[in-house]
Amino acid sequence: MGKIAIFIDGAYLSKVLQGSFGSPQIDFSKLSSFLANGDQILRTYYYNCMPYKSLSPSQGEINRYNNMQRFVTALEKLDHYTVRFGKLEFRGRDSHGNPIFQQKRVDILLGCDLVLLAAKQRIEKAILITGDSDFIPAIEVAKNEGVEIELVYGAAHSPHNSLKSIADVRKELSQADIDAIKK
């Protein structure tokens, strides 16, 4: 196999780790190597949003923001890693008055990177850690360009059925997989 690219939907991976495996601390360099399984990695892309921080932030907001900033800085120091940020947008309040936020632009960033690498024939395989069916059009384009698509997911947050159907290869993360990539 030629070069591969790994695309990580950070919010999805966090939900999988929390929901299925008790929120372990993982080594992202080990994660990439594990997923590549010996193939050459062009790049691993990590997509997310910075947490909300109000104009007069609470200590909790400051801590969450600073923790994410430290995490991102560590990721950016890894070989062949690129971090891409979308925007967090306010969407109203829940029944308890708590603010509701939604990630925007994350999916399209991932989709654009996948299509661009496929169209330029920079990769032969794409490994996606996500569960969102919004990626199907980008996956279809990549597959039409000859890119093999592998979908990696967790049982507690199983991906949309049509996303599973379109992938060439599907891999459900197991406890043994997570143990192999823990810090």
C-alpha atoms as a PDB file:
ATOM      1  CA  MET A   1       0.000   0.000   0.000  1.00  0.00           C
ATOM      2  CA  GLY A   2       1.192   3.525  -0.730  1.00  0.00           C
ATOM      3  CA  LYS A   3       0.775   6.565   1.413  1.00  0.00           C
ATOM      4  CA  ILE A   4      -2.180   6.971   3.703  1.00  0.00           C
ATOM      5  CA  ALA A   5      -3.809   9.881   5.489  1.00  0.00           C
ATOM      6  CA  ILE A   6      -5.620   9.610   8.790  1.00  0.00           C
ATOM      7  CA  PHE A   7      -8.551  11.909   9.534  1.00  0.00           C
ATOM      8  CA  ILE A   8      -9.643  12.198  13.180  1.00  0.00           C
ATOM      9  CA  ASP A   9     -12.898  13.868  14.170  1.00  0.00           C
ATOM     10  CA  GLY A  10     -11.707  14.881  17.648  1.00  0.00           C
ATOM     11  CA  ALA A  11     -15.147  15.348  19.192  1.00  0.00           C
ATOM     12  CA  TYR A  12     -16.268  11.945  17.912  1.00  0.00           C
ATOM     13  CA  LEU A  13     -13.119  10.221  19.185  1.00  0.00           C
ATOM     14  CA  SER A  14     -13.594  11.819  22.610  1.00  0.00           C
ATOM     15  CA  LYS A  15     -17.162  10.486  22.770  1.00  0.00           C
ATOM     16  CA  VAL A  16     -15.986   7.014  21.779  1.00  0.00           C
ATOM     17  CA  LEU A  17     -13.197   6.998  24.358  1.00  0.00           C
ATOM     18  CA  GLN A  18     -15.546   8.235  27.072  1.00  0.00           C
ATOM     19  CA  GLY A  19     -18.555   6.104  26.167  1.00  0.00           C
ATOM     20  CA  SER A  20     -16.813   2.814  25.449  1.00  0.00           C
ATOM     21  CA  PHE A  21     -13.507   2.860  27.299  1.00  0.00           C
ATOM     22  CA  GLY A  22     -13.750   5.109  30.380  1.00  0.00           C
ATOM     23  CA  SER A  23     -11.856   8.124  28.948  1.00  0.00           C
ATOM     24  CA  PRO A  24      -8.304   6.705  28.787  1.00  0.00           C
ATOM     25  CA  GLN A  25      -5.382   8.961  27.932  1.00  0.00           C
ATOM     26  CA  ILE A  26      -4.100   7.817  24.552  1.00  0.00           C
ATOM     27  CA  ASP A  27      -0.828   8.438  22.769  1.00  0.00           C
ATOM     28  CA  PHE A  28      -1.775   9.984  19.432  1.00  0.00           C
ATOM     29  CA  SER A  29       1.517   9.010  17.822  1.00  0.00           C
ATOM     30  CA  LYS A  30       0.807   5.382  18.776  1.00  0.00           C
ATOM     31  CA  LEU A  31      -2.750   5.784  17.470  1.00  0.00           C
ATOM     32  CA  SER A  32      -1.502   6.854  14.044  1.00  0.00           C
ATOM     33  CA  SER A  33       1.070   4.061  13.862  1.00  0.00           C
ATOM     34  CA  PHE A  34      -1.491   1.503  15.027  1.00  0.00           C
ATOM     35  CA  LEU A  35      -4.013   2.584  12.398  1.00  0.00           C
ATOM     36  CA  ALA A  36      -1.396   2.737   9.631  1.00  0.00           C
ATOM     37  CA  ASN A  37      -0.399  -0.855  10.351  1.00  0.00           C
ATOM     38  CA  GLY A  38       2.992  -0.431   8.657  1.00  0.00           C
ATOM     39  CA  ASP A  39       1.844   1.764   5.769  1.00  0.00           C
ATOM     40  CA  GLN A  40       3.550   5.111   5.178  1.00  0.00           C
ATOM     41  CA  ILE A  41       1.636   8.009   6.720  1.00  0.00           C
ATOM     42  CA  LEU A  42       1.517  11.173   4.659  1.00  0.00           C
ATOM     43  CA  ARG A  43      -0.210  13.022   7.501  1.00  0.00           C
ATOM     44  CA  THR A  44      -2.627  12.642  10.371  1.00  0.00           C
ATOM     45  CA  TYR A  45      -5.254  15.377  10.530  1.00  0.00           C
ATOM     46  CA  TYR A  46      -7.016  16.174  13.796  1.00  0.00           C
ATOM     47  CA  TYR A  47     -10.215  18.270  13.624  1.00  0.00           C
ATOM     48  CA  ASN A  48     -11.975  19.963  16.527  1.00  0.00           C
ATOM     49  CA  CYS A  49     -12.969  23.307  18.035  1.00  0.00           C
ATOM     50  CA  MET A  50     -11.509  25.148  20.971  1.00  0.00           C
ATOM     51  CA  PRO A  51     -13.878  25.094  23.971  1.00  0.00           C
ATOM     52  CA  TYR A  52     -16.095  28.037  24.735  1.00  0.00           C
ATOM     53  CA  LYS A  53     -14.558  30.883  26.728  1.00  0.00           C
ATOM     54  CA  SER A  54     -16.822  33.818  27.557  1.00  0.00           C
ATOM     55  CA  LEU A  55     -15.725  37.457  27.778  1.00  0.00           C
ATOM     56  CA  SER A  56     -15.613  37.062  31.564  1.00  0.00           C
ATOM     57  CA  PRO A  57     -14.627  33.395  31.727  1.00  0.00           C
ATOM     58  CA  SER A  58     -15.211  31.216  34.739  1.00  0.00           C
ATOM     59  CA  GLN A  59     -12.308  29.244  36.156  1.00  0.00           C
ATOM     60  CA  GLY A  60     -13.811  26.116  34.581  1.00  0.00           C
ATOM     61  CA  GLU A  61     -13.865  27.772  31.138  1.00  0.00           C
ATOM     62  CA  ILE A  62     -10.271  28.913  31.560  1.00  0.00           C
ATOM     63  CA  ASN A  63      -9.167  25.438  32.636  1.00  0.00           C
ATOM     64  CA  ARG A  64     -10.943  23.695  29.722  1.00  0.00           C
ATOM     65  CA  TYR A  65      -9.502  26.183  27.227  1.00  0.00           C
ATOM     66  CA  ASN A  66      -5.957  25.926  28.614  1.00  0.00           C
ATOM     67  CA  ASN A  67      -6.122  22.120  28.726  1.00  0.00           C
ATOM     68  CA  MET A  68      -7.184  22.010  25.082  1.00  0.00           C
ATOM     69  CA  GLN A  69      -4.442  24.470  24.145  1.00  0.00           C
ATOM     70  CA  ARG A  70      -1.811  22.256  25.820  1.00  0.00           C
ATOM     71  CA  PHE A  71      -3.251  19.201  24.055  1.00  0.00           C
ATOM     72  CA  VAL A  72      -3.177  20.934  20.649  1.00  0.00           C
ATOM     73  CA  THR A  73       0.372  22.171  21.202  1.00  0.00           C
ATOM     74  CA  ALA A  74       1.447  18.596  21.983  1.00  0.00           C
ATOM     75  CA  LEU A  75      -0.307  17.268  18.850  1.00  0.00           C
ATOM     76  CA  GLU A  76       1.340  19.899  16.654  1.00  0.00           C
ATOM     77  CA  LYS A  77       4.761  18.706  17.848  1.00  0.00           C
ATOM     78  CA  LEU A  78       4.108  15.172  16.590  1.00  0.00           C
ATOM     79  CA  ASP A  79       5.606  14.142  13.251  1.00  0.00           C
ATOM     80  CA  HIS A  80       3.197  14.431  10.336  1.00  0.00           C
ATOM     81  CA  TYR A  81       0.317  15.863  12.397  1.00  0.00           C
ATOM     82  CA  THR A  82      -1.873  18.775  11.377  1.00  0.00           C
ATOM     83  CA  VAL A  83      -4.547  20.305  13.589  1.00  0.00           C
ATOM     84  CA  ARG A  84      -7.520  22.022  11.989  1.00  0.00           C
ATOM     85  CA  PHE A  85     -10.074  24.075  13.886  1.00  0.00           C
ATOM     86  CA  GLY A  86     -13.666  24.825  13.121  1.00  0.00           C
ATOM     87  CA  LYS A  87     -15.736  27.337  15.046  1.00  0.00           C
ATOM     88  CA  LEU A  88     -17.929  26.832  18.067  1.00  0.00           C
ATOM     89  CA  GLU A  89     -21.249  28.677  17.647  1.00  0.00           C
ATOM     90  CA  PHE A  90     -23.877  29.498  20.243  1.00  0.00           C
ATOM     91  CA  ARG A  91     -27.193  27.798  19.405  1.00  0.00           C
ATOM     92  CA  GLY A  92     -29.388  28.816  22.341  1.00  0.00           C
ATOM     93  CA  ARG A  93     -30.053  27.439  25.796  1.00  0.00           C
ATOM     94  CA  ASP A  94     -31.333  24.118  27.072  1.00  0.00           C
ATOM     95  CA  SER A  95     -34.282  23.727  29.457  1.00  0.00           C
ATOM     96  CA  HIS A  96     -31.978  24.397  32.432  1.00  0.00           C
ATOM     97  CA  GLY A  97     -30.643  27.640  30.962  1.00  0.00           C
ATOM     98  CA  ASN A  98     -27.265  26.174  30.009  1.00  0.00           C
ATOM     99  CA  PRO A  99     -25.776  27.405  26.741  1.00  0.00           C
ATOM    100  CA  ILE A 100     -25.807  25.040  23.764  1.00  0.00           C
ATOM    101  CA  PHE A 101     -22.920  25.183  21.308  1.00  0.00           C
ATOM    102  CA  GLN A 102     -22.431  23.446  17.986  1.00  0.00           C
ATOM    103  CA  GLN A 103     -19.270  22.798  16.010  1.00  0.00           C
ATOM    104  CA  LYS A 104     -19.280  24.425  12.590  1.00  0.00           C
ATOM    105  CA  ARG A 105     -16.896  23.963   9.643  1.00  0.00           C
ATOM    106  CA  VAL A 106     -15.194  20.880  11.112  1.00  0.00           C
ATOM    107  CA  ASP A 107     -16.887  18.434   8.737  1.00  0.00           C
ATOM    108  CA  ILE A 108     -16.225  20.557   5.673  1.00  0.00           C
ATOM    109  CA  LEU A 109     -12.553  20.967   6.604  1.00  0.00           C
ATOM    110  CA  LEU A 110     -12.173  17.198   6.815  1.00  0.00           C
ATOM    111  CA  GLY A 111     -14.111  16.696   3.582  1.00  0.00           C
ATOM    112  CA  CYS A 112     -12.014  19.270   1.714  1.00  0.00           C
ATOM    113  CA  ASP A 113      -8.742  17.724   2.879  1.00  0.00           C
ATOM    114  CA  LEU A 114      -9.903  14.239   1.891  1.00  0.00           C
ATOM    115  CA  VAL A 115     -11.051  15.331  -1.579  1.00  0.00           C
ATOM    116  CA  LEU A 116      -7.937  17.431  -2.223  1.00  0.00           C
ATOM    117  CA  LEU A 117      -5.534  14.626  -1.309  1.00  0.00           C
ATOM    118  CA  ALA A 118      -7.540  12.143  -3.369  1.00  0.00           C
ATOM    119  CA  ALA A 119      -7.798  14.412  -6.430  1.00  0.00           C
ATOM    120  CA  LYS A 120      -4.069  15.158  -6.338  1.00  0.00           C
ATOM    121  CA  GLN A 121      -3.396  11.421  -5.972  1.00  0.00           C
ATOM    122  CA  ARG A 122      -1.320  12.025  -2.828  1.00  0.00           C
ATOM    123  CA  ILE A 123      -2.857   9.074  -0.959  1.00  0.00           C
ATOM    124  CA  GLU A 124      -4.037   5.574  -1.748  1.00  0.00           C
ATOM    125  CA  LYS A 125      -5.904   5.032   1.510  1.00  0.00           C
ATOM    126  CA  ALA A 126      -7.805   7.246   3.935  1.00  0.00           C
ATOM    127  CA  ILE A 127      -8.557   6.172   7.487  1.00  0.00           C
ATOM    128  CA  LEU A 128     -11.426   8.105   9.057  1.00  0.00           C
ATOM    129  CA  ILE A 129     -12.345   8.138  12.734  1.00  0.00           C
ATOM    130  CA  THR A 130     -15.844   9.564  12.621  1.00  0.00           C
ATOM    131  CA  GLY A 131     -19.488   8.653  12.724  1.00  0.00           C
ATOM    132  CA  ASP A 132     -21.084  11.417  10.682  1.00  0.00           C
ATOM    133  CA  SER A 133     -22.831  10.679   7.382  1.00  0.00           C
ATOM    134  CA  ASP A 134     -22.065  14.249   6.216  1.00  0.00           C
ATOM    135  CA  PHE A 135     -18.756  12.855   4.943  1.00  0.00           C
ATOM    136  CA  ILE A 136     -20.371  10.572   2.377  1.00  0.00           C
ATOM    137  CA  PRO A 137     -20.063  12.982  -0.611  1.00  0.00           C
ATOM    138  CA  ALA A 138     -16.350  13.512   0.094  1.00  0.00           C
ATOM    139  CA  ILE A 139     -15.863   9.766   0.530  1.00  0.00           C
ATOM    140  CA  GLU A 140     -17.599   9.113  -2.800  1.00  0.00           C
ATOM    141  CA  VAL A 141     -15.238  11.537  -4.559  1.00  0.00           C
ATOM    142  CA  ALA A 142     -12.189   9.961  -2.904  1.00  0.00           C
ATOM    143  CA  LYS A 143     -13.340   6.462  -3.839  1.00  0.00           C
ATOM    144  CA  ASN A 144     -13.885   7.592  -7.443  1.00  0.00           C
ATOM    145  CA  GLU A 145     -10.240   8.730  -7.408  1.00  0.00           C
ATOM    146  CA  GLY A 146      -9.169   5.229  -6.338  1.00  0.00           C
ATOM    147  CA  VAL A 147      -8.694   5.875  -2.616  1.00  0.00           C
ATOM    148  CA  GLU A 148      -9.551   3.017  -0.255  1.00  0.00           C
ATOM    149  CA  ILE A 149     -11.661   4.200   2.684  1.00  0.00           C
ATOM    150  CA  GLU A 150     -11.320   2.652   6.129  1.00  0.00           C
ATOM    151  CA  LEU A 151     -13.809   3.681   8.805  1.00  0.00           C
ATOM    152  CA  VAL A 152     -12.752   3.372  12.456  1.00  0.00           C
ATOM    153  CA  TYR A 153     -15.398   3.733  15.132  1.00  0.00           C
ATOM    154  CA  GLY A 154     -16.533   2.798  18.617  1.00  0.00           C
ATOM    155  CA  ALA A 155     -19.445   0.573  19.597  1.00  0.00           C
ATOM    156  CA  ALA A 156     -20.966   3.114  21.990  1.00  0.00           C
ATOM    157  CA  HIS A 157     -21.171   5.671  19.166  1.00  0.00           C
ATOM    158  CA  SER A 158     -21.679   3.537  16.114  1.00  0.00           C
ATOM    159  CA  PRO A 159     -21.539   5.516  12.869  1.00  0.00           C
ATOM    160  CA  HIS A 160     -24.505   6.163  10.650  1.00  0.00           C
ATOM    161  CA  ASN A 161     -25.410   2.995   8.703  1.00  0.00           C
ATOM    162  CA  SER A 162     -24.895   4.651   5.315  1.00  0.00           C
ATOM    163  CA  LEU A 163     -21.404   5.739   6.393  1.00  0.00           C
ATOM    164  CA  LYS A 164     -20.574   2.170   7.402  1.00  0.00           C
ATOM    165  CA  SER A 165     -21.973   0.912   4.087  1.00  0.00           C
ATOM    166  CA  ILE A 166     -19.867   3.200   1.907  1.00  0.00           C
ATOM    167  CA  ALA A 167     -16.566   2.409   3.632  1.00  0.00           C
ATOM    168  CA  ASP A 168     -14.356  -0.219   1.997  1.00  0.00           C
ATOM    169  CA  VAL A 169     -13.098  -1.447   5.370  1.00  0.00           C
ATOM    170  CA  ARG A 170     -14.714  -1.070   8.789  1.00  0.00           C
ATOM    171  CA  LYS A 171     -12.906  -1.402  12.118  1.00  0.00           C
ATOM    172  CA  GLU A 172     -14.620  -1.243  15.482  1.00  0.00           C
ATOM    173  CA  LEU A 173     -12.173  -0.270  18.214  1.00  0.00           C
ATOM    174  CA  SER A 174     -11.759  -2.885  20.923  1.00  0.00           C
ATOM    175  CA  GLN A 175     -10.392  -2.662  24.452  1.00  0.00           C
ATOM    176  CA  ALA A 176      -7.220  -4.399  23.227  1.00  0.00           C
ATOM    177  CA  ASP A 177      -6.799  -1.685  20.569  1.00  0.00           C
ATOM    178  CA  ILE A 178      -7.155   1.055  23.191  1.00  0.00           C
ATOM    179  CA  ASP A 179      -4.734  -0.722  25.544  1.00  0.00           C
ATOM    180  CA  ALA A 180      -2.166  -0.791  22.723  1.00  0.00           C
ATOM    181  CA  ILE A 181      -2.300   3.004  22.274  1.00  0.00           C
ATOM    182  CA  LYS A 182      -2.549   4.195  25.883  1.00  0.00           C
ATOM    183  CA  LYS A 183       0.030   6.605  27.244  1.00  0.00           C
END
